[in-house]
Amino acid sequence: MEEKFRKAWERCRREAEALGVRMRPLERDALAQARRILSGHRPSEGFAQLEKLGRLDLSLEALAVSSAYTPLFDDAQANHALELLMESGFFG
């Protein structure tokens, strides 16, 4: 499941970068990087740009709340992602 997540995140990042969204490179342990980002109090890098473009589907937060990857994250991380997406009107 972790490798599947990494590939999905890489795909989303490539699509976002093609839209002009700048992001830091993925670390060797992408899952640890994702967990660290989602444990913070801010959105992931590129979130605001993706929001402006109407492409939050490409965000780390959207991946984290996807049923395919939710088991990889603890409740606090998943809830943080969900809150950010809800505040941005992603589900509306």
N, C-alpha and C. Protein backbone atom coordinates (compact mmCIF):
# COMPACT_ATOMS: atom_id res chain seq x y z
N MET A 1 0.82 -1.19 0.00
CA MET A 1 0.00 0.00 0.00
C MET A 1 0.86 1.27 0.00
N GLU A 2 2.00 1.22 0.70
CA GLU A 2 2.87 2.39 0.76
C GLU A 2 3.42 2.73 -0.62
N GLU A 3 3.82 1.74 -1.37
CA GLU A 3 4.35 2.00 -2.72
C GLU A 3 3.27 2.55 -3.63
N LYS A 4 2.07 2.04 -3.49
CA LYS A 4 0.94 2.52 -4.28
C LYS A 4 0.68 4.00 -3.94
N PHE A 5 0.76 4.35 -2.65
CA PHE A 5 0.58 5.73 -2.24
C PHE A 5 1.66 6.62 -2.85
N ARG A 6 2.91 6.17 -2.77
CA ARG A 6 4.01 6.97 -3.32
C ARG A 6 3.79 7.24 -4.81
N LYS A 7 3.41 6.22 -5.55
CA LYS A 7 3.18 6.39 -6.99
C LYS A 7 2.02 7.36 -7.25
N ALA A 8 0.96 7.26 -6.46
CA ALA A 8 -0.17 8.16 -6.62
C ALA A 8 0.23 9.60 -6.31
N TRP A 9 1.02 9.78 -5.25
CA TRP A 9 1.47 11.13 -4.89
C TRP A 9 2.41 11.68 -5.96
N GLU A 10 3.28 10.85 -6.48
CA GLU A 10 4.17 11.29 -7.56
C GLU A 10 3.35 11.74 -8.78
N ARG A 11 2.31 10.97 -9.12
CA ARG A 11 1.46 11.32 -10.26
C ARG A 11 0.77 12.66 -10.02
N CYS A 12 0.21 12.85 -8.84
CA CYS A 12 -0.45 14.11 -8.51
C CYS A 12 0.52 15.27 -8.57
N ARG A 13 1.70 15.06 -8.06
CA ARG A 13 2.72 16.12 -8.07
C ARG A 13 3.13 16.48 -9.49
N ARG A 14 3.29 15.47 -10.34
CA ARG A 14 3.65 15.75 -11.75
C ARG A 14 2.56 16.57 -12.43
N GLU A 15 1.32 16.19 -12.20
CA GLU A 15 0.20 16.94 -12.80
C GLU A 15 0.16 18.37 -12.26
N ALA A 16 0.39 18.53 -10.96
CA ALA A 16 0.39 19.86 -10.36
C ALA A 16 1.53 20.70 -10.92
N GLU A 17 2.70 20.11 -11.03
CA GLU A 17 3.85 20.84 -11.58
C GLU A 17 3.61 21.24 -13.02
N ALA A 18 2.90 20.40 -13.78
CA ALA A 18 2.57 20.74 -15.17
C ALA A 18 1.64 21.95 -15.23
N LEU A 19 0.90 22.19 -14.15
CA LEU A 19 0.02 23.35 -14.06
C LEU A 19 0.75 24.58 -13.52
N GLY A 20 2.02 24.42 -13.19
CA GLY A 20 2.83 25.53 -12.70
C GLY A 20 2.96 25.61 -11.20
N VAL A 21 2.50 24.59 -10.49
CA VAL A 21 2.58 24.58 -9.03
C VAL A 21 3.97 24.10 -8.64
N ARG A 22 4.66 24.88 -7.82
CA ARG A 22 6.01 24.53 -7.39
C ARG A 22 5.95 23.75 -6.09
N MET A 23 6.72 22.66 -6.03
CA MET A 23 6.76 21.81 -4.85
C MET A 23 8.18 21.38 -4.56
N ARG A 24 8.42 21.08 -3.30
CA ARG A 24 9.71 20.51 -2.92
C ARG A 24 9.78 19.07 -3.42
N PRO A 25 10.98 18.57 -3.65
CA PRO A 25 11.10 17.17 -4.10
C PRO A 25 10.62 16.19 -3.03
N LEU A 26 10.19 15.03 -3.49
CA LEU A 26 9.82 13.97 -2.56
C LEU A 26 11.08 13.43 -1.90
N GLU A 27 10.97 13.12 -0.64
CA GLU A 27 12.07 12.51 0.08
C GLU A 27 12.08 11.01 -0.20
N ARG A 28 13.15 10.38 0.18
CA ARG A 28 13.27 8.93 -0.02
C ARG A 28 12.10 8.18 0.64
N ASP A 29 11.77 8.58 1.86
CA ASP A 29 10.63 7.99 2.57
C ASP A 29 9.44 8.93 2.41
N ALA A 30 8.73 8.80 1.31
CA ALA A 30 7.63 9.70 0.98
C ALA A 30 6.50 9.62 2.01
N LEU A 31 6.24 8.44 2.52
CA LEU A 31 5.16 8.30 3.50
C LEU A 31 5.48 9.05 4.78
N ALA A 32 6.71 8.95 5.24
CA ALA A 32 7.12 9.70 6.44
C ALA A 32 7.00 11.20 6.17
N GLN A 33 7.38 11.63 4.98
CA GLN A 33 7.27 13.03 4.60
C GLN A 33 5.79 13.46 4.63
N ALA A 34 4.93 12.66 4.05
CA ALA A 34 3.50 12.98 4.03
C ALA A 34 2.94 13.05 5.45
N ARG A 35 3.30 12.11 6.27
CA ARG A 35 2.81 12.10 7.66
C ARG A 35 3.29 13.34 8.41
N ARG A 36 4.52 13.73 8.19
CA ARG A 36 5.07 14.93 8.83
C ARG A 36 4.30 16.17 8.38
N ILE A 37 4.04 16.27 7.08
CA ILE A 37 3.31 17.42 6.55
C ILE A 37 1.91 17.48 7.14
N LEU A 38 1.24 16.34 7.19
CA LEU A 38 -0.13 16.31 7.69
C LEU A 38 -0.21 16.44 9.21
N SER A 39 0.90 16.34 9.89
CA SER A 39 0.92 16.53 11.34
C SER A 39 1.11 18.00 11.70
N GLY A 40 1.40 18.82 10.71
CA GLY A 40 1.59 20.25 10.93
C GLY A 40 0.27 20.98 11.06
N HIS A 41 0.37 22.26 11.17
CA HIS A 41 -0.83 23.08 11.34
C HIS A 41 -1.16 23.88 10.09
N ARG A 42 -0.42 23.63 9.04
CA ARG A 42 -0.65 24.34 7.78
C ARG A 42 -0.97 23.34 6.69
N PRO A 43 -1.48 23.85 5.59
CA PRO A 43 -1.71 22.95 4.44
C PRO A 43 -0.38 22.53 3.82
N SER A 44 -0.43 21.51 3.00
CA SER A 44 0.77 21.06 2.30
C SER A 44 1.23 22.14 1.32
N GLU A 45 2.46 22.03 0.91
CA GLU A 45 3.01 22.96 -0.06
C GLU A 45 2.22 22.84 -1.36
N GLY A 46 1.85 23.95 -1.92
CA GLY A 46 1.10 23.94 -3.16
C GLY A 46 -0.41 23.91 -2.97
N PHE A 47 -0.88 23.70 -1.73
CA PHE A 47 -2.32 23.59 -1.47
C PHE A 47 -3.05 24.84 -1.95
N ALA A 48 -2.56 26.02 -1.57
CA ALA A 48 -3.23 27.26 -1.95
C ALA A 48 -3.26 27.44 -3.46
N GLN A 49 -2.16 27.09 -4.11
CA GLN A 49 -2.11 27.20 -5.57
C GLN A 49 -3.10 26.24 -6.22
N LEU A 50 -3.15 25.03 -5.73
CA LEU A 50 -4.09 24.04 -6.26
C LEU A 50 -5.53 24.48 -6.00
N GLU A 51 -5.76 25.10 -4.85
CA GLU A 51 -7.10 25.60 -4.55
C GLU A 51 -7.51 26.67 -5.56
N LYS A 52 -6.61 27.59 -5.85
CA LYS A 52 -6.90 28.65 -6.83
C LYS A 52 -7.19 28.07 -8.22
N LEU A 53 -6.51 26.99 -8.54
CA LEU A 53 -6.69 26.35 -9.84
C LEU A 53 -7.90 25.41 -9.88
N GLY A 54 -8.53 25.22 -8.73
CA GLY A 54 -9.66 24.28 -8.66
C GLY A 54 -9.22 22.84 -8.81
N ARG A 55 -8.00 22.54 -8.34
CA ARG A 55 -7.45 21.20 -8.50
C ARG A 55 -6.98 20.61 -7.17
N LEU A 56 -7.75 20.79 -6.13
CA LEU A 56 -7.37 20.20 -4.84
C LEU A 56 -7.37 18.68 -4.90
N ASP A 57 -7.94 18.11 -5.95
CA ASP A 57 -7.87 16.67 -6.13
C ASP A 57 -6.44 16.18 -6.27
N LEU A 58 -5.52 17.10 -6.59
CA LEU A 58 -4.10 16.75 -6.74
C LEU A 58 -3.31 16.96 -5.45
N SER A 59 -3.97 17.37 -4.39
CA SER A 59 -3.26 17.69 -3.14
C SER A 59 -2.99 16.43 -2.30
N LEU A 60 -1.98 16.55 -1.47
CA LEU A 60 -1.68 15.49 -0.51
C LEU A 60 -2.89 15.23 0.38
N GLU A 61 -3.56 16.30 0.76
CA GLU A 61 -4.71 16.17 1.65
C GLU A 61 -5.81 15.30 1.00
N ALA A 62 -6.04 15.49 -0.28
CA ALA A 62 -7.05 14.68 -0.97
C ALA A 62 -6.64 13.21 -1.00
N LEU A 63 -5.36 12.95 -1.20
CA LEU A 63 -4.89 11.56 -1.16
C LEU A 63 -5.09 10.96 0.23
N ALA A 64 -4.78 11.75 1.24
CA ALA A 64 -4.84 11.26 2.62
C ALA A 64 -6.25 10.88 3.06
N VAL A 65 -7.26 11.53 2.48
CA VAL A 65 -8.64 11.19 2.87
C VAL A 65 -9.28 10.19 1.91
N SER A 66 -8.53 9.82 0.89
CA SER A 66 -9.02 8.80 -0.03
C SER A 66 -9.07 7.46 0.69
N SER A 67 -10.16 6.73 0.49
CA SER A 67 -10.31 5.45 1.20
C SER A 67 -9.17 4.48 0.90
N ALA A 68 -8.51 4.64 -0.23
CA ALA A 68 -7.39 3.76 -0.58
C ALA A 68 -6.18 3.99 0.31
N TYR A 69 -6.04 5.20 0.86
CA TYR A 69 -4.82 5.53 1.62
C TYR A 69 -5.06 5.97 3.05
N THR A 70 -6.30 6.14 3.46
CA THR A 70 -6.58 6.57 4.83
C THR A 70 -5.92 5.67 5.88
N PRO A 71 -5.85 4.35 5.68
CA PRO A 71 -5.20 3.51 6.69
C PRO A 71 -3.72 3.84 6.95
N LEU A 72 -3.10 4.57 6.04
CA LEU A 72 -1.68 4.91 6.21
C LEU A 72 -1.48 6.06 7.20
N PHE A 73 -2.56 6.75 7.55
CA PHE A 73 -2.45 7.95 8.37
C PHE A 73 -3.23 7.79 9.67
N ASP A 74 -2.74 8.43 10.72
CA ASP A 74 -3.47 8.36 11.99
C ASP A 74 -4.67 9.32 11.94
N ASP A 75 -5.52 9.23 12.93
CA ASP A 75 -6.75 10.03 12.93
C ASP A 75 -6.48 11.52 12.87
N ALA A 76 -5.48 11.99 13.60
CA ALA A 76 -5.17 13.42 13.62
C ALA A 76 -4.74 13.89 12.23
N GLN A 77 -3.91 13.11 11.56
CA GLN A 77 -3.45 13.49 10.23
C GLN A 77 -4.61 13.51 9.23
N ALA A 78 -5.43 12.47 9.25
CA ALA A 78 -6.57 12.40 8.33
C ALA A 78 -7.58 13.51 8.63
N ASN A 79 -7.82 13.78 9.90
CA ASN A 79 -8.74 14.85 10.27
C ASN A 79 -8.23 16.21 9.85
N HIS A 80 -6.94 16.44 9.99
CA HIS A 80 -6.33 17.71 9.55
C HIS A 80 -6.55 17.89 8.05
N ALA A 81 -6.29 16.84 7.29
CA ALA A 81 -6.48 16.90 5.83
C ALA A 81 -7.94 17.17 5.50
N LEU A 82 -8.84 16.46 6.16
CA LEU A 82 -10.27 16.62 5.91
C LEU A 82 -10.73 18.04 6.24
N GLU A 83 -10.28 18.59 7.35
CA GLU A 83 -10.66 19.95 7.75
C GLU A 83 -10.22 20.97 6.71
N LEU A 84 -8.98 20.84 6.25
CA LEU A 84 -8.47 21.79 5.24
C LEU A 84 -9.30 21.71 3.96
N LEU A 85 -9.61 20.50 3.54
CA LEU A 85 -10.39 20.34 2.32
C LEU A 85 -11.81 20.88 2.50
N MET A 86 -12.41 20.64 3.65
CA MET A 86 -13.76 21.13 3.90
C MET A 86 -13.77 22.65 3.95
N GLU A 87 -12.78 23.26 4.61
CA GLU A 87 -12.70 24.71 4.69
C GLU A 87 -12.54 25.35 3.32
N SER A 88 -11.95 24.60 2.40
CA SER A 88 -11.72 25.10 1.05
C SER A 88 -12.89 24.80 0.11
N GLY A 89 -13.91 24.14 0.64
CA GLY A 89 -15.08 23.83 -0.17
C GLY A 89 -14.88 22.69 -1.15
N PHE A 90 -13.89 21.84 -0.90
CA PHE A 90 -13.58 20.74 -1.81
C PHE A 90 -14.74 19.78 -1.95
N PHE A 91 -15.49 19.57 -0.88
CA PHE A 91 -16.59 18.60 -0.92
C PHE A 91 -17.94 19.27 -1.21
N GLY A 92 -17.91 20.57 -1.48
CA GLY A 92 -19.17 21.27 -1.68
C GLY A 92 -19.44 21.51 -3.06
